[in-house]
PDB file of N, CA and C in Angstrom:
ATOM      1  N   MET A   1      30.847 -39.513  54.942  1.00  0.00           N
ATOM      2  CA  MET A   1      31.174 -38.528  54.153  1.00  0.00           C
ATOM      3  C   MET A   1      32.011 -39.901  53.314  1.00  0.00           C
ATOM      4  N   ASP A   2      32.252 -39.247  51.889  1.00  0.00           N
ATOM      5  CA  ASP A   2      32.271 -40.041  50.817  1.00  0.00           C
ATOM      6  C   ASP A   2      33.977 -39.694  50.772  1.00  0.00           C
ATOM      7  N   TRP A   3      34.936 -40.693  50.902  1.00  0.00           N
ATOM      8  CA  TRP A   3      36.031 -40.673  50.594  1.00  0.00           C
ATOM      9  C   TRP A   3      36.474 -39.590  49.649  1.00  0.00           C
ATOM     10  N   MET A   4      36.113 -39.872  48.458  1.00  0.00           N
ATOM     11  CA  MET A   4      36.129 -38.966  47.206  1.00  0.00           C
ATOM     12  C   MET A   4      36.017 -37.517  47.255  1.00  0.00           C
ATOM     13  N   PHE A   5      35.573 -37.064  48.301  1.00  0.00           N
ATOM     14  CA  PHE A   5      35.327 -35.766  48.917  1.00  0.00           C
ATOM     15  C   PHE A   5      35.908 -35.387  49.960  1.00  0.00           C
ATOM     16  N   ASP A   6      36.671 -35.993  50.535  1.00  0.00           N
ATOM     17  CA  ASP A   6      37.461 -35.429  51.979  1.00  0.00           C
ATOM     18  C   ASP A   6      38.070 -34.455  51.869  1.00  0.00           C
ATOM     19  N   ASP A   7      38.830 -33.940  51.119  1.00  0.00           N
ATOM     20  CA  ASP A   7      39.285 -32.662  50.538  1.00  0.00           C
ATOM     21  C   ASP A   7      38.456 -31.187  50.763  1.00  0.00           C
ATOM     22  N   PHE A   8      36.980 -31.527  50.403  1.00  0.00           N
ATOM     23  CA  PHE A   8      36.231 -30.783  50.396  1.00  0.00           C
ATOM     24  C   PHE A   8      35.302 -30.506  51.857  1.00  0.00           C
ATOM     25  N   LYS A   9      36.198 -30.970  53.037  1.00  0.00           N
ATOM     26  CA  LYS A   9      34.826 -31.067  54.146  1.00  0.00           C
ATOM     27  C   LYS A   9      34.593 -29.757  54.510  1.00  0.00           C
ATOM     28  N   THR A  10      35.235 -28.785  54.459  1.00  0.00           N
ATOM     29  CA  THR A  10      34.860 -27.487  54.863  1.00  0.00           C
ATOM     30  C   THR A  10      33.995 -26.510  54.469  1.00  0.00           C
ATOM     31  N   GLU A  11      33.847 -26.795  52.807  1.00  0.00           N
ATOM     32  CA  GLU A  11      32.943 -26.220  51.558  1.00  0.00           C
ATOM     33  C   GLU A  11      31.493 -27.205  52.021  1.00  0.00           C
ATOM     34  N   LEU A  12      31.455 -28.637  52.330  1.00  0.00           N
ATOM     35  CA  LEU A  12      30.251 -29.495  52.772  1.00  0.00           C
ATOM     36  C   LEU A  12      29.754 -29.248  54.107  1.00  0.00           C
ATOM     37  N   ASP A  13      30.708 -28.914  54.931  1.00  0.00           N
ATOM     38  CA  ASP A  13      30.055 -28.759  56.359  1.00  0.00           C
ATOM     39  C   ASP A  13      29.336 -27.330  56.548  1.00  0.00           C
ATOM     40  N   ALA A  14      29.416 -26.815  55.565  1.00  0.00           N
ATOM     41  CA  ALA A  14      28.600 -25.341  55.875  1.00  0.00           C
ATOM     42  C   ALA A  14      27.209 -25.252  55.186  1.00  0.00           C
ATOM     43  N   LEU A  15      27.056 -26.432  54.481  1.00  0.00           N
ATOM     44  CA  LEU A  15      25.728 -26.816  53.611  1.00  0.00           C
ATOM     45  C   LEU A  15      24.667 -27.854  54.838  1.00  0.00           C
ATOM     46  N   ASN A  16      23.398 -27.218  54.050  1.00  0.00           N
ATOM     47  CA  ASN A  16      22.285 -28.199  54.988  1.00  0.00           C
ATOM     48  C   ASN A  16      22.475 -29.463  54.753  1.00  0.00           C
ATOM     49  N   SER A  17      22.161 -30.344  55.643  1.00  0.00           N
ATOM     50  CA  SER A  17      22.304 -32.008  55.222  1.00  0.00           C
ATOM     51  C   SER A  17      21.634 -32.665  54.115  1.00  0.00           C
ATOM     52  N   THR A  18      20.197 -31.803  54.198  1.00  0.00           N
ATOM     53  CA  THR A  18      19.702 -32.441  52.909  1.00  0.00           C
ATOM     54  C   THR A  18      20.307 -32.032  51.464  1.00  0.00           C
ATOM     55  N   VAL A  19      20.786 -30.830  51.431  1.00  0.00           N
ATOM     56  CA  VAL A  19      21.514 -29.928  50.843  1.00  0.00           C
ATOM     57  C   VAL A  19      22.924 -31.303  50.060  1.00  0.00           C
ATOM     58  N   ARG A  20      23.781 -31.403  50.921  1.00  0.00           N
ATOM     59  CA  ARG A  20      25.055 -32.128  50.821  1.00  0.00           C
ATOM     60  C   ARG A  20      24.775 -33.395  50.988  1.00  0.00           C
ATOM     61  N   GLU A  21      23.963 -34.066  51.078  1.00  0.00           N
ATOM     62  CA  GLU A  21      23.318 -35.254  50.670  1.00  0.00           C
ATOM     63  C   GLU A  21      23.050 -35.268  49.138  1.00  0.00           C
ATOM     64  N   LYS A  22      22.385 -34.086  48.413  1.00  0.00           N
ATOM     65  CA  LYS A  22      21.939 -33.887  47.391  1.00  0.00           C
ATOM     66  C   LYS A  22      23.095 -33.958  46.399  1.00  0.00           C
ATOM     67  N   ALA A  23      24.148 -32.994  47.197  1.00  0.00           N
ATOM     68  CA  ALA A  23      25.428 -32.623  46.380  1.00  0.00           C
ATOM     69  C   ALA A  23      26.091 -33.778  46.145  1.00  0.00           C
ATOM     70  N   PHE A  24      26.127 -34.692  47.643  1.00  0.00           N
ATOM     71  CA  PHE A  24      27.284 -36.324  47.111  1.00  0.00           C
ATOM     72  C   PHE A  24      26.370 -36.890  45.869  1.00  0.00           C
ATOM     73  N   GLU A  25      25.183 -36.789  45.828  1.00  0.00           N
ATOM     74  CA  GLU A  25      24.470 -38.039  44.655  1.00  0.00           C
ATOM     75  C   GLU A  25      24.980 -37.496  43.556  1.00  0.00           C
ATOM     76  N   ILE A  26      24.663 -35.845  43.154  1.00  0.00           N
ATOM     77  CA  ILE A  26      25.150 -35.226  42.045  1.00  0.00           C
ATOM     78  C   ILE A  26      26.404 -35.326  42.093  1.00  0.00           C
ATOM     79  N   ALA A  27      27.054 -35.407  42.625  1.00  0.00           N
ATOM     80  CA  ALA A  27      28.488 -35.431  42.347  1.00  0.00           C
ATOM     81  C   ALA A  27      29.044 -36.236  41.944  1.00  0.00           C
ATOM     82  N   LYS A  28      28.524 -37.532  42.336  1.00  0.00           N
ATOM     83  CA  LYS A  28      29.290 -38.994  42.172  1.00  0.00           C
ATOM     84  C   LYS A  28      28.719 -39.356  40.566  1.00  0.00           C
ATOM     85  N   GLU A  29      27.437 -38.663  40.362  1.00  0.00           N
ATOM     86  CA  GLU A  29      26.751 -39.131  38.918  1.00  0.00           C
ATOM     87  C   GLU A  29      27.865 -38.315  37.936  1.00  0.00           C
ATOM     88  N   LEU A  30      28.585 -37.018  38.656  1.00  0.00           N
ATOM     89  CA  LEU A  30      29.211 -36.074  37.163  1.00  0.00           C
ATOM     90  C   LEU A  30      30.689 -36.752  37.117  1.00  0.00           C
ATOM     91  N   VAL A  31      30.717 -37.076  38.467  1.00  0.00           N
ATOM     92  CA  VAL A  31      32.413 -37.815  38.346  1.00  0.00           C
ATOM     93  C   VAL A  31      32.110 -39.004  37.456  1.00  0.00           C
ATOM     94  N   GLN A  32      31.012 -39.984  37.551  1.00  0.00           N
ATOM     95  CA  GLN A  32      31.248 -41.184  36.977  1.00  0.00           C
ATOM     96  C   GLN A  32      30.401 -40.912  34.796  1.00  0.00           C
ATOM     97  N   GLU A  33      29.729 -39.817  34.822  1.00  0.00           N
ATOM     98  CA  GLU A  33      28.763 -40.024  33.610  1.00  0.00           C
ATOM     99  C   GLU A  33      30.111 -38.721  32.877  1.00  0.00           C
ATOM    100  N   LYS A  34      30.266 -38.321  33.339  1.00  0.00           N
ATOM    101  CA  LYS A  34      31.138 -36.917  32.305  1.00  0.00           C
ATOM    102  C   LYS A  34      32.363 -36.447  33.223  1.00  0.00           C
ATOM    103  N   ASP A  35      32.594 -37.794  33.365  1.00  0.00           N
ATOM    104  CA  ASP A  35      34.257 -37.668  34.247  1.00  0.00           C
ATOM    105  C   ASP A  35      35.362 -36.912  34.507  1.00  0.00           C
ATOM    106  N   LEU A  36      34.495 -35.868  35.267  1.00  0.00           N
ATOM    107  CA  LEU A  36      34.529 -34.460  35.707  1.00  0.00           C
ATOM    108  C   LEU A  36      35.536 -35.155  37.247  1.00  0.00           C
ATOM    109  N   SER A  37      36.922 -34.207  37.313  1.00  0.00           N
ATOM    110  CA  SER A  37      37.762 -34.206  39.000  1.00  0.00           C
ATOM    111  C   SER A  37      37.213 -34.135  39.690  1.00  0.00           C
ATOM    112  N   ALA A  38      36.684 -34.639  40.660  1.00  0.00           N
ATOM    113  CA  ALA A  38      36.005 -34.973  42.219  1.00  0.00           C
ATOM    114  C   ALA A  38      35.652 -32.987  42.393  1.00  0.00           C
ATOM    115  N   LYS A  39      36.719 -32.252  42.267  1.00  0.00           N
ATOM    116  CA  LYS A  39      36.686 -30.616  42.734  1.00  0.00           C
ATOM    117  C   LYS A  39      35.841 -30.324  42.082  1.00  0.00           C
ATOM    118  N   GLU A  40      36.074 -30.424  40.847  1.00  0.00           N
ATOM    119  CA  GLU A  40      35.044 -29.663  39.561  1.00  0.00           C
ATOM    120  C   GLU A  40      33.471 -30.292  39.898  1.00  0.00           C
ATOM    121  N   ALA A  41      33.090 -31.492  39.895  1.00  0.00           N
ATOM    122  CA  ALA A  41      31.980 -32.249  40.267  1.00  0.00           C
ATOM    123  C   ALA A  41      31.266 -31.941  41.346  1.00  0.00           C
ATOM    124  N   LEU A  42      32.257 -31.791  42.668  1.00  0.00           N
ATOM    125  CA  LEU A  42      31.622 -31.214  43.595  1.00  0.00           C
ATOM    126  C   LEU A  42      31.223 -29.299  43.804  1.00  0.00           C
ATOM    127  N   LYS A  43      31.619 -28.603  42.789  1.00  0.00           N
ATOM    128  CA  LYS A  43      31.396 -27.119  42.796  1.00  0.00           C
ATOM    129  C   LYS A  43      29.904 -27.097  41.985  1.00  0.00           C
ATOM    130  N   GLN A  44      29.801 -28.257  40.899  1.00  0.00           N
ATOM    131  CA  GLN A  44      28.509 -28.031  40.046  1.00  0.00           C
ATOM    132  C   GLN A  44      27.668 -28.664  40.920  1.00  0.00           C
ATOM    133  N   ALA A  45      28.017 -29.531  41.727  1.00  0.00           N
ATOM    134  CA  ALA A  45      27.081 -30.384  42.360  1.00  0.00           C
ATOM    135  C   ALA A  45      26.594 -29.777  43.691  1.00  0.00           C
ATOM    136  N   ILE A  46      27.321 -28.676  44.008  1.00  0.00           N
ATOM    137  CA  ILE A  46      26.890 -27.763  45.394  1.00  0.00           C
ATOM    138  C   ILE A  46      25.732 -26.799  44.970  1.00  0.00           C
ATOM    139  N   ILE A  47      25.835 -26.251  43.474  1.00  0.00           N
ATOM    140  CA  ILE A  47      25.376 -25.549  42.813  1.00  0.00           C
ATOM    141  C   ILE A  47      23.797 -26.095  42.608  1.00  0.00           C
ATOM    142  N   ARG A  48      23.932 -27.161  41.857  1.00  0.00           N
ATOM    143  CA  ARG A  48      22.594 -27.696  41.818  1.00  0.00           C
ATOM    144  C   ARG A  48      21.719 -28.394  42.971  1.00  0.00           C
ATOM    145  N   ALA A  49      22.451 -28.691  43.851  1.00  0.00           N
ATOM    146  CA  ALA A  49      22.098 -28.908  44.793  1.00  0.00           C
ATOM    147  C   ALA A  49      21.295 -28.206  45.230  1.00  0.00           C
ATOM    148  N   GLU A  50      22.052 -27.109  45.521  1.00  0.00           N
ATOM    149  CA  GLU A  50      21.173 -25.922  46.365  1.00  0.00           C
ATOM    150  C   GLU A  50      20.050 -25.325  45.520  1.00  0.00           C
ATOM    151  N   GLU A  51      19.924 -25.285  44.148  1.00  0.00           N
ATOM    152  CA  GLU A  51      18.942 -25.086  43.683  1.00  0.00           C
ATOM    153  C   GLU A  51      17.501 -26.092  43.324  1.00  0.00           C
ATOM    154  N   TRP A  52      18.178 -26.880  43.749  1.00  0.00           N
ATOM    155  CA  TRP A  52      17.199 -28.438  43.960  1.00  0.00           C
ATOM    156  C   TRP A  52      16.055 -27.847  45.216  1.00  0.00           C
ATOM    157  N   PHE A  53      17.216 -27.635  45.880  1.00  0.00           N
ATOM    158  CA  PHE A  53      16.699 -27.279  47.507  1.00  0.00           C
ATOM    159  C   PHE A  53      15.727 -26.148  47.290  1.00  0.00           C
ATOM    160  N   TYR A  54      16.348 -25.285  47.159  1.00  0.00           N
ATOM    161  CA  TYR A  54      15.385 -23.883  47.020  1.00  0.00           C
ATOM    162  C   TYR A  54      14.110 -24.125  46.235  1.00  0.00           C
ATOM    163  N   ASP A  55      14.010 -24.516  45.133  1.00  0.00           N
ATOM    164  CA  ASP A  55      12.848 -25.312  44.380  1.00  0.00           C
ATOM    165  C   ASP A  55      12.026 -25.856  44.953  1.00  0.00           C
ATOM    166  N   LEU A  56      12.103 -26.673  45.602  1.00  0.00           N
ATOM    167  CA  LEU A  56      11.554 -27.231  46.626  1.00  0.00           C
ATOM    168  C   LEU A  56      10.763 -26.766  47.717  1.00  0.00           C
ATOM    169  N   GLY A  57      11.388 -25.226  47.869  1.00  0.00           N
ATOM    170  CA  GLY A  57      10.600 -24.527  49.038  1.00  0.00           C
ATOM    171  C   GLY A  57      11.543 -24.434  50.529  1.00  0.00           C
ATOM    172  N   GLY A  58      12.738 -24.783  50.117  1.00  0.00           N
ATOM    173  CA  GLY A  58      13.443 -25.315  51.432  1.00  0.00           C
ATOM    174  C   GLY A  58      14.104 -23.932  51.993  1.00  0.00           C
TER     175      GLY A  58
END
């Protein structure tokens, strides 16, 4: 798990492993590109990752 998101372990543990990895990827991009806090980036990333997963038919 990425150190930046250690505070959100319980929220992340509930996710499917594929969704969790995609959420990390998206959150890292949001922090770097949009200068969001880790908390806000992760919140948005989880939503986007879940949508991405369901669009794949998961």
